[in-house]
Amino acid sequence: YGAGPGIGAPLGTPPARGMGLEDDQVARPE
């Protein structure tokens, strides 16, 4: 089960660069 990508702040947590993640894994609405 799960939450899909989840929602984080632009340039915020989870840190995409630090975890080797693509930005499209997390929604970052402004």
PDB file of all heavy atoms in Angstrom:
ATOM      1  N   TYR A   1       0.863  -1.169   0.000  1.00  0.00           N
ATOM      2  CA  TYR A   1       0.000   0.000   0.000  1.00  0.00           C
ATOM      3  C   TYR A   1       0.904   1.224   0.000  1.00  0.00           C
ATOM      4  O   TYR A   1       2.121   1.113   0.169  1.00  0.00           O
ATOM      5  CB  TYR A   1      -0.921   0.000   1.221  1.00  0.00           C
ATOM      6  CG  TYR A   1      -1.882  -1.162   1.225  1.00  0.00           C
ATOM      7  CD1 TYR A   1      -1.525  -2.380   1.815  1.00  0.00           C
ATOM      8  CD2 TYR A   1      -3.127  -1.067   0.614  1.00  0.00           C
ATOM      9  CE1 TYR A   1      -2.394  -3.470   1.796  1.00  0.00           C
ATOM     10  CE2 TYR A   1      -4.000  -2.152   0.597  1.00  0.00           C
ATOM     11  CZ  TYR A   1      -3.628  -3.345   1.183  1.00  0.00           C
ATOM     12  OH  TYR A   1      -4.484  -4.417   1.151  1.00  0.00           O
ATOM     13  N   GLY A   2       0.309   2.412  -0.184  1.00  0.00           N
ATOM     14  CA  GLY A   2       1.189   3.563  -0.152  1.00  0.00           C
ATOM     15  C   GLY A   2       0.566   4.866  -0.551  1.00  0.00           C
ATOM     16  O   GLY A   2      -0.620   4.950  -0.879  1.00  0.00           O
ATOM     17  N   ALA A   3       1.425   5.910  -0.540  1.00  0.00           N
ATOM     18  CA  ALA A   3       0.991   7.292  -0.691  1.00  0.00           C
ATOM     19  C   ALA A   3       1.313   7.873  -2.050  1.00  0.00           C
ATOM     20  O   ALA A   3       1.267   9.088  -2.201  1.00  0.00           O
ATOM     21  CB  ALA A   3       1.638   8.141   0.400  1.00  0.00           C
ATOM     22  N   GLY A   4       1.631   7.059  -3.050  1.00  0.00           N
ATOM     23  CA  GLY A   4       2.039   7.660  -4.305  1.00  0.00           C
ATOM     24  C   GLY A   4       3.310   8.468  -4.092  1.00  0.00           C
ATOM     25  O   GLY A   4       4.145   8.125  -3.255  1.00  0.00           O
ATOM     26  N   PRO A   5       3.492   9.572  -4.831  1.00  0.00           N
ATOM     27  CA  PRO A   5       4.754  10.312  -4.705  1.00  0.00           C
ATOM     28  C   PRO A   5       4.883  11.116  -3.428  1.00  0.00           C
ATOM     29  O   PRO A   5       5.977  11.263  -2.890  1.00  0.00           O
ATOM     30  CB  PRO A   5       4.733  11.233  -5.932  1.00  0.00           C
ATOM     31  CG  PRO A   5       3.285  11.410  -6.230  1.00  0.00           C
ATOM     32  CD  PRO A   5       2.638  10.097  -5.889  1.00  0.00           C
ATOM     33  N   GLY A   6       3.767  11.656  -2.911  1.00  0.00           N
ATOM     34  CA  GLY A   6       3.837  12.541  -1.759  1.00  0.00           C
ATOM     35  C   GLY A   6       4.048  13.985  -2.189  1.00  0.00           C
ATOM     36  O   GLY A   6       4.297  14.292  -3.364  1.00  0.00           O
ATOM     37  N   ILE A   7       3.958  14.892  -1.209  1.00  0.00           N
ATOM     38  CA  ILE A   7       4.026  16.331  -1.474  1.00  0.00           C
ATOM     39  C   ILE A   7       5.097  16.960  -0.598  1.00  0.00           C
ATOM     40  O   ILE A   7       5.095  16.805   0.627  1.00  0.00           O
ATOM     41  CB  ILE A   7       2.666  17.003  -1.193  1.00  0.00           C
ATOM     42  CG1 ILE A   7       1.610  16.467  -2.172  1.00  0.00           C
ATOM     43  CG2 ILE A   7       2.775  18.531  -1.294  1.00  0.00           C
ATOM     44  CD1 ILE A   7       0.212  16.997  -1.913  1.00  0.00           C
ATOM     45  N   GLY A   8       6.022  17.681  -1.237  1.00  0.00           N
ATOM     46  CA  GLY A   8       7.074  18.387  -0.521  1.00  0.00           C
ATOM     47  C   GLY A   8       7.235  19.796  -1.052  1.00  0.00           C
ATOM     48  O   GLY A   8       6.619  20.187  -2.053  1.00  0.00           O
ATOM     49  N   ALA A   9       8.081  20.568  -0.391  1.00  0.00           N
ATOM     50  CA  ALA A   9       8.319  21.945  -0.819  1.00  0.00           C
ATOM     51  C   ALA A   9       9.275  21.966  -2.003  1.00  0.00           C
ATOM     52  O   ALA A   9      10.173  21.122  -2.106  1.00  0.00           O
ATOM     53  CB  ALA A   9       8.913  22.752   0.336  1.00  0.00           C
ATOM     54  N   PRO A  10       9.131  22.937  -2.921  1.00  0.00           N
ATOM     55  CA  PRO A  10      10.129  23.093  -3.982  1.00  0.00           C
ATOM     56  C   PRO A  10      11.521  23.267  -3.386  1.00  0.00           C
ATOM     57  O   PRO A  10      11.725  24.063  -2.473  1.00  0.00           O
ATOM     58  CB  PRO A  10       9.665  24.361  -4.718  1.00  0.00           C
ATOM     59  CG  PRO A  10       8.182  24.429  -4.450  1.00  0.00           C
ATOM     60  CD  PRO A  10       8.024  23.900  -3.041  1.00  0.00           C
ATOM     61  N   LEU A  11      12.460  22.467  -3.870  1.00  0.00           N
ATOM     62  CA  LEU A  11      13.852  22.468  -3.394  1.00  0.00           C
ATOM     63  C   LEU A  11      13.975  22.049  -1.929  1.00  0.00           C
ATOM     64  O   LEU A  11      15.018  22.247  -1.309  1.00  0.00           O
ATOM     65  CB  LEU A  11      14.501  23.844  -3.585  1.00  0.00           C
ATOM     66  CG  LEU A  11      14.524  24.381  -5.022  1.00  0.00           C
ATOM     67  CD1 LEU A  11      15.150  25.766  -5.056  1.00  0.00           C
ATOM     68  CD2 LEU A  11      15.263  23.426  -5.950  1.00  0.00           C
ATOM     69  N   GLY A  12      12.906  21.444  -1.394  1.00  0.00           N
ATOM     70  CA  GLY A  12      12.922  21.074   0.014  1.00  0.00           C
ATOM     71  C   GLY A  12      13.004  19.580   0.232  1.00  0.00           C
ATOM     72  O   GLY A  12      13.516  18.830  -0.595  1.00  0.00           O
ATOM     73  N   THR A  13      12.482  19.151   1.391  1.00  0.00           N
ATOM     74  CA  THR A  13      12.476  17.750   1.768  1.00  0.00           C
ATOM     75  C   THR A  13      11.407  16.998   0.983  1.00  0.00           C
ATOM     76  O   THR A  13      10.304  17.527   0.805  1.00  0.00           O
ATOM     77  CB  THR A  13      12.178  17.628   3.278  1.00  0.00           C
ATOM     78  OG1 THR A  13      13.093  18.469   3.988  1.00  0.00           O
ATOM     79  CG2 THR A  13      12.337  16.208   3.759  1.00  0.00           C
ATOM     80  N   PRO A  14      11.705  15.770   0.513  1.00  0.00           N
ATOM     81  CA  PRO A  14      12.987  15.075   0.568  1.00  0.00           C
ATOM     82  C   PRO A  14      13.965  15.651  -0.455  1.00  0.00           C
ATOM     83  O   PRO A  14      13.544  15.999  -1.565  1.00  0.00           O
ATOM     84  CB  PRO A  14      12.615  13.629   0.227  1.00  0.00           C
ATOM     85  CG  PRO A  14      11.415  13.761  -0.654  1.00  0.00           C
ATOM     86  CD  PRO A  14      10.664  14.947  -0.134  1.00  0.00           C
ATOM     87  N   PRO A  15      15.241  15.744  -0.095  1.00  0.00           N
ATOM     88  CA  PRO A  15      16.216  16.376  -1.002  1.00  0.00           C
ATOM     89  C   PRO A  15      16.503  15.481  -2.195  1.00  0.00           C
ATOM     90  O   PRO A  15      17.146  14.437  -2.076  1.00  0.00           O
ATOM     91  CB  PRO A  15      17.449  16.552  -0.114  1.00  0.00           C
ATOM     92  CG  PRO A  15      17.321  15.478   0.923  1.00  0.00           C
ATOM     93  CD  PRO A  15      15.850  15.299   1.161  1.00  0.00           C
ATOM     94  N   ALA A  16      16.024  15.872  -3.362  1.00  0.00           N
ATOM     95  CA  ALA A  16      16.154  15.022  -4.553  1.00  0.00           C
ATOM     96  C   ALA A  16      17.605  14.737  -4.884  1.00  0.00           C
ATOM     97  O   ALA A  16      17.985  13.600  -5.186  1.00  0.00           O
ATOM     98  CB  ALA A  16      15.454  15.686  -5.736  1.00  0.00           C
ATOM     99  N   ARG A  17      18.453  15.762  -4.815  1.00  0.00           N
ATOM    100  CA  ARG A  17      19.855  15.560  -5.181  1.00  0.00           C
ATOM    101  C   ARG A  17      20.555  14.647  -4.175  1.00  0.00           C
ATOM    102  O   ARG A  17      21.284  13.736  -4.550  1.00  0.00           O
ATOM    103  CB  ARG A  17      20.578  16.905  -5.267  1.00  0.00           C
ATOM    104  CG  ARG A  17      22.050  16.779  -5.651  1.00  0.00           C
ATOM    105  CD  ARG A  17      22.698  18.154  -5.791  1.00  0.00           C
ATOM    106  NE  ARG A  17      22.053  18.934  -6.835  1.00  0.00           N
ATOM    107  CZ  ARG A  17      22.396  20.191  -7.122  1.00  0.00           C
ATOM    108  NH1 ARG A  17      23.351  20.798  -6.423  1.00  0.00           N
ATOM    109  NH2 ARG A  17      21.774  20.849  -8.087  1.00  0.00           N
ATOM    110  N   GLY A  18      20.297  14.839  -2.901  1.00  0.00           N
ATOM    111  CA  GLY A  18      20.988  14.056  -1.883  1.00  0.00           C
ATOM    112  C   GLY A  18      20.593  12.597  -1.871  1.00  0.00           C
ATOM    113  O   GLY A  18      21.362  11.740  -1.430  1.00  0.00           O
ATOM    114  N   MET A  19      19.380  12.281  -2.347  1.00  0.00           N
ATOM    115  CA  MET A  19      18.922  10.900  -2.333  1.00  0.00           C
ATOM    116  C   MET A  19      18.923  10.259  -3.719  1.00  0.00           C
ATOM    117  O   MET A  19      18.463   9.145  -3.895  1.00  0.00           O
ATOM    118  CB  MET A  19      17.512  10.838  -1.728  1.00  0.00           C
ATOM    119  CG  MET A  19      17.446  11.277  -0.276  1.00  0.00           C
ATOM    120  SD  MET A  19      15.786  11.162   0.438  1.00  0.00           S
ATOM    121  CE  MET A  19      15.532   9.378   0.450  1.00  0.00           C
ATOM    122  N   GLY A  20      19.437  10.968  -4.728  1.00  0.00           N
ATOM    123  CA  GLY A  20      19.464  10.415  -6.063  1.00  0.00           C
ATOM    124  C   GLY A  20      18.082  10.239  -6.655  1.00  0.00           C
ATOM    125  O   GLY A  20      17.841   9.333  -7.448  1.00  0.00           O
ATOM    126  N   LEU A  21      17.151  11.114  -6.277  1.00  0.00           N
ATOM    127  CA  LEU A  21      15.763  10.982  -6.708  1.00  0.00           C
ATOM    128  C   LEU A  21      15.470  11.915  -7.880  1.00  0.00           C
ATOM    129  O   LEU A  21      16.053  12.986  -8.001  1.00  0.00           O
ATOM    130  CB  LEU A  21      14.817  11.321  -5.558  1.00  0.00           C
ATOM    131  CG  LEU A  21      14.986  10.527  -4.268  1.00  0.00           C
ATOM    132  CD1 LEU A  21      14.094  11.106  -3.191  1.00  0.00           C
ATOM    133  CD2 LEU A  21      14.662   9.074  -4.507  1.00  0.00           C
ATOM    134  N   GLU A  22      14.533  11.497  -8.683  1.00  0.00           N
ATOM    135  CA  GLU A  22      14.020  12.364  -9.733  1.00  0.00           C
ATOM    136  C   GLU A  22      12.935  13.254  -9.136  1.00  0.00           C
ATOM    137  O   GLU A  22      12.149  12.841  -8.298  1.00  0.00           O
ATOM    138  CB  GLU A  22      13.420  11.521 -10.862  1.00  0.00           C
ATOM    139  CG  GLU A  22      14.410  10.575 -11.523  1.00  0.00           C
ATOM    140  CD  GLU A  22      15.391  11.309 -12.428  1.00  0.00           C
ATOM    141  OE1 GLU A  22      15.112  12.457 -12.783  1.00  0.00           O
ATOM    142  OE2 GLU A  22      16.422  10.711 -12.767  1.00  0.00           O
ATOM    143  N   ASP A  23      12.849  14.485  -9.591  1.00  0.00           N
ATOM    144  CA  ASP A  23      11.846  15.406  -9.059  1.00  0.00           C
ATOM    145  C   ASP A  23      10.431  14.921  -9.303  1.00  0.00           C
ATOM    146  O   ASP A  23       9.518  15.264  -8.549  1.00  0.00           O
ATOM    147  CB  ASP A  23      12.033  16.799  -9.649  1.00  0.00           C
ATOM    148  CG  ASP A  23      13.169  17.557  -8.974  1.00  0.00           C
ATOM    149  OD1 ASP A  23      13.379  17.326  -7.772  1.00  0.00           O
ATOM    150  OD2 ASP A  23      13.833  18.355  -9.641  1.00  0.00           O
ATOM    151  N   ASP A  24      10.216  14.115 -10.359  1.00  0.00           N
ATOM    152  CA  ASP A  24       8.853  13.691 -10.638  1.00  0.00           C
ATOM    153  C   ASP A  24       8.363  12.633  -9.658  1.00  0.00           C
ATOM    154  O   ASP A  24       7.225  12.198  -9.732  1.00  0.00           O
ATOM    155  CB  ASP A  24       8.704  13.192 -12.082  1.00  0.00           C
ATOM    156  CG  ASP A  24       9.497  11.915 -12.366  1.00  0.00           C
ATOM    157  OD1 ASP A  24      10.200  11.426 -11.453  1.00  0.00           O
ATOM    158  OD2 ASP A  24       9.411  11.413 -13.499  1.00  0.00           O
ATOM    159  N   GLN A  25       9.195  12.224  -8.728  1.00  0.00           N
ATOM    160  CA  GLN A  25       8.722  11.320  -7.691  1.00  0.00           C
ATOM    161  C   GLN A  25       7.937  12.050  -6.615  1.00  0.00           C
ATOM    162  O   GLN A  25       7.177  11.432  -5.884  1.00  0.00           O
ATOM    163  CB  GLN A  25       9.901  10.600  -7.025  1.00  0.00           C
ATOM    164  CG  GLN A  25      10.400   9.394  -7.809  1.00  0.00           C
ATOM    165  CD  GLN A  25      11.375   8.597  -6.986  1.00  0.00           C
ATOM    166  OE1 GLN A  25      12.446   9.075  -6.704  1.00  0.00           O
ATOM    167  NE2 GLN A  25      10.990   7.409  -6.594  1.00  0.00           N
ATOM    168  N   VAL A  26       8.148  13.331  -6.466  1.00  0.00           N
ATOM    169  CA  VAL A  26       7.498  14.098  -5.407  1.00  0.00           C
ATOM    170  C   VAL A  26       6.804  15.299  -6.026  1.00  0.00           C
ATOM    171  O   VAL A  26       7.408  16.035  -6.808  1.00  0.00           O
ATOM    172  CB  VAL A  26       8.527  14.565  -4.351  1.00  0.00           C
ATOM    173  CG1 VAL A  26       7.860  15.419  -3.281  1.00  0.00           C
ATOM    174  CG2 VAL A  26       9.225  13.368  -3.723  1.00  0.00           C
ATOM    175  N   ALA A  27       5.534  15.508  -5.695  1.00  0.00           N
ATOM    176  CA  ALA A  27       4.834  16.714  -6.122  1.00  0.00           C
ATOM    177  C   ALA A  27       5.334  17.878  -5.277  1.00  0.00           C
ATOM    178  O   ALA A  27       5.437  17.765  -4.052  1.00  0.00           O
ATOM    179  CB  ALA A  27       3.332  16.536  -5.957  1.00  0.00           C
ATOM    180  N   ARG A  28       5.639  19.001  -5.913  1.00  0.00           N
ATOM    181  CA  ARG A  28       6.174  20.164  -5.191  1.00  0.00           C
ATOM    182  C   ARG A  28       5.368  21.408  -5.584  1.00  0.00           C
ATOM    183  O   ARG A  28       5.868  22.301  -6.275  1.00  0.00           O
ATOM    184  CB  ARG A  28       7.659  20.329  -5.483  1.00  0.00           C
ATOM    185  CG  ARG A  28       8.484  19.111  -5.029  1.00  0.00           C
ATOM    186  CD  ARG A  28       9.976  19.306  -5.214  1.00  0.00           C
ATOM    187  NE  ARG A  28      10.730  18.092  -4.919  1.00  0.00           N
ATOM    188  CZ  ARG A  28      11.168  17.743  -3.717  1.00  0.00           C
ATOM    189  NH1 ARG A  28      10.921  18.518  -2.671  1.00  0.00           N
ATOM    190  NH2 ARG A  28      11.861  16.635  -3.544  1.00  0.00           N
ATOM    191  N   PRO A  29       4.110  21.486  -5.134  1.00  0.00           N
ATOM    192  CA  PRO A  29       3.234  22.595  -5.532  1.00  0.00           C
ATOM    193  C   PRO A  29       3.684  23.910  -4.914  1.00  0.00           C
ATOM    194  O   PRO A  29       4.182  23.956  -3.793  1.00  0.00           O
ATOM    195  CB  PRO A  29       1.871  22.167  -5.001  1.00  0.00           C
ATOM    196  CG  PRO A  29       2.176  21.267  -3.847  1.00  0.00           C
ATOM    197  CD  PRO A  29       3.415  20.524  -4.235  1.00  0.00           C
ATOM    198  N   GLU A  30       3.456  24.998  -5.676  1.00  0.00           N
ATOM    199  CA  GLU A  30       3.822  26.322  -5.201  1.00  0.00           C
ATOM    200  C   GLU A  30       2.613  27.145  -4.777  1.00  0.00           C
ATOM    201  O   GLU A  30       2.772  28.254  -4.256  1.00  0.00           O
ATOM    202  CB  GLU A  30       4.605  27.058  -6.287  1.00  0.00           C
ATOM    203  CG  GLU A  30       5.916  26.352  -6.633  1.00  0.00           C
ATOM    204  CD  GLU A  30       6.741  27.127  -7.646  1.00  0.00           C
ATOM    205  OE1 GLU A  30       6.306  28.229  -8.055  1.00  0.00           O
ATOM    206  OE2 GLU A  30       7.826  26.648  -8.024  1.00  0.00           O
TER     207      GLU A  30
END
